[in-house]
């Protein structure tokens, strides 16, 4: 996952190969169906903005973990 994320970050930020890549993580809270719906919206936004492929780590509880899965 880290290799793909690093390449996506390099493409998005136009970094050179010798420049250090930041690490992105997404953490979402729990709350059942509301958390599920909110997390789906966040994931769709990240995809639209080409940031989802830049993400190395995902964490969630309850409903948000269903969406992440």
Protein backbone atom coordinates (compact mmCIF):
# COMPACT_ATOMS: atom_id res chain seq x y z
CA UNK A 1 0.00 0.00 0.00
CA UNK A 2 2.80 2.42 0.90
CA UNK A 3 4.45 2.05 -2.53
CA UNK A 4 1.20 2.92 -4.34
CA UNK A 5 0.46 5.78 -1.93
CA UNK A 6 3.96 7.24 -2.33
CA UNK A 7 3.67 7.17 -6.12
CA UNK A 8 0.25 8.84 -5.99
CA UNK A 9 1.60 11.54 -3.67
CA UNK A 10 4.59 12.13 -5.96
CA UNK A 11 2.26 12.50 -8.95
CA UNK A 12 -0.16 14.79 -7.11
CA UNK A 13 2.47 17.05 -5.53
CA UNK A 14 4.95 16.75 -8.41
CA UNK A 15 7.73 15.61 -6.07
CA UNK A 16 11.06 14.40 -7.35
CA UNK A 17 12.22 10.89 -6.47
CA UNK A 18 14.77 12.17 -3.96
CA UNK A 19 12.18 14.25 -2.03
CA UNK A 20 10.58 12.71 1.03
CA UNK A 21 6.87 11.80 0.77
CA UNK A 22 4.44 12.62 3.56
CA UNK A 23 2.31 9.82 4.97
CA UNK A 24 -1.48 10.27 4.93
CA UNK A 25 -3.91 8.48 7.22
CA UNK A 26 -7.69 8.64 7.54
CA UNK A 27 -9.38 8.06 10.92
CA UNK A 28 -13.17 7.91 11.17
CA UNK A 29 -15.36 7.74 14.25
CA UNK A 30 -18.07 5.26 15.10
CA UNK A 31 -21.80 5.73 15.40
CA UNK A 32 -23.53 3.03 13.37
CA UNK A 33 -25.48 4.05 10.25
CA UNK A 34 -24.66 7.77 10.59
CA UNK A 35 -20.93 7.05 10.73
CA UNK A 36 -21.30 4.70 7.75
CA UNK A 37 -23.02 7.39 5.66
CA UNK A 38 -20.55 10.10 6.66
CA UNK A 39 -17.54 7.89 5.95
CA UNK A 40 -18.90 6.98 2.50
CA UNK A 41 -19.17 10.71 1.77
CA UNK A 42 -15.62 11.36 2.98
CA UNK A 43 -14.23 8.46 0.91
CA UNK A 44 -16.07 9.72 -2.20
CA UNK A 45 -14.62 13.21 -1.65
CA UNK A 46 -11.10 11.82 -1.21
CA UNK A 47 -11.49 9.84 -4.44
CA UNK A 48 -12.79 12.88 -6.33
CA UNK A 49 -9.85 14.99 -5.15
CA UNK A 50 -7.36 12.20 -6.00
CA UNK A 51 -6.37 11.83 -2.34
CA UNK A 52 -7.72 8.33 -1.68
CA UNK A 53 -4.81 6.68 -3.50
CA UNK A 54 -2.42 8.84 -1.45
CA UNK A 55 -3.67 7.33 1.82
CA UNK A 56 -1.52 4.70 3.51
CA UNK A 57 -3.62 3.95 6.59
CA UNK A 58 -7.34 3.79 7.38
CA UNK A 59 -8.91 3.40 10.83
CA UNK A 60 -12.53 3.28 11.87
CA UNK A 61 -14.98 2.17 14.52
CA UNK A 62 -18.46 0.74 14.22
CA UNK A 63 -20.24 2.07 11.11
CA UNK A 64 -17.20 3.77 9.68
CA UNK A 65 -15.29 0.48 9.68
CA UNK A 66 -18.10 -1.04 7.57
CA UNK A 67 -17.65 1.74 5.03
CA UNK A 68 -13.87 1.43 5.00
CA UNK A 69 -14.15 -2.31 4.54
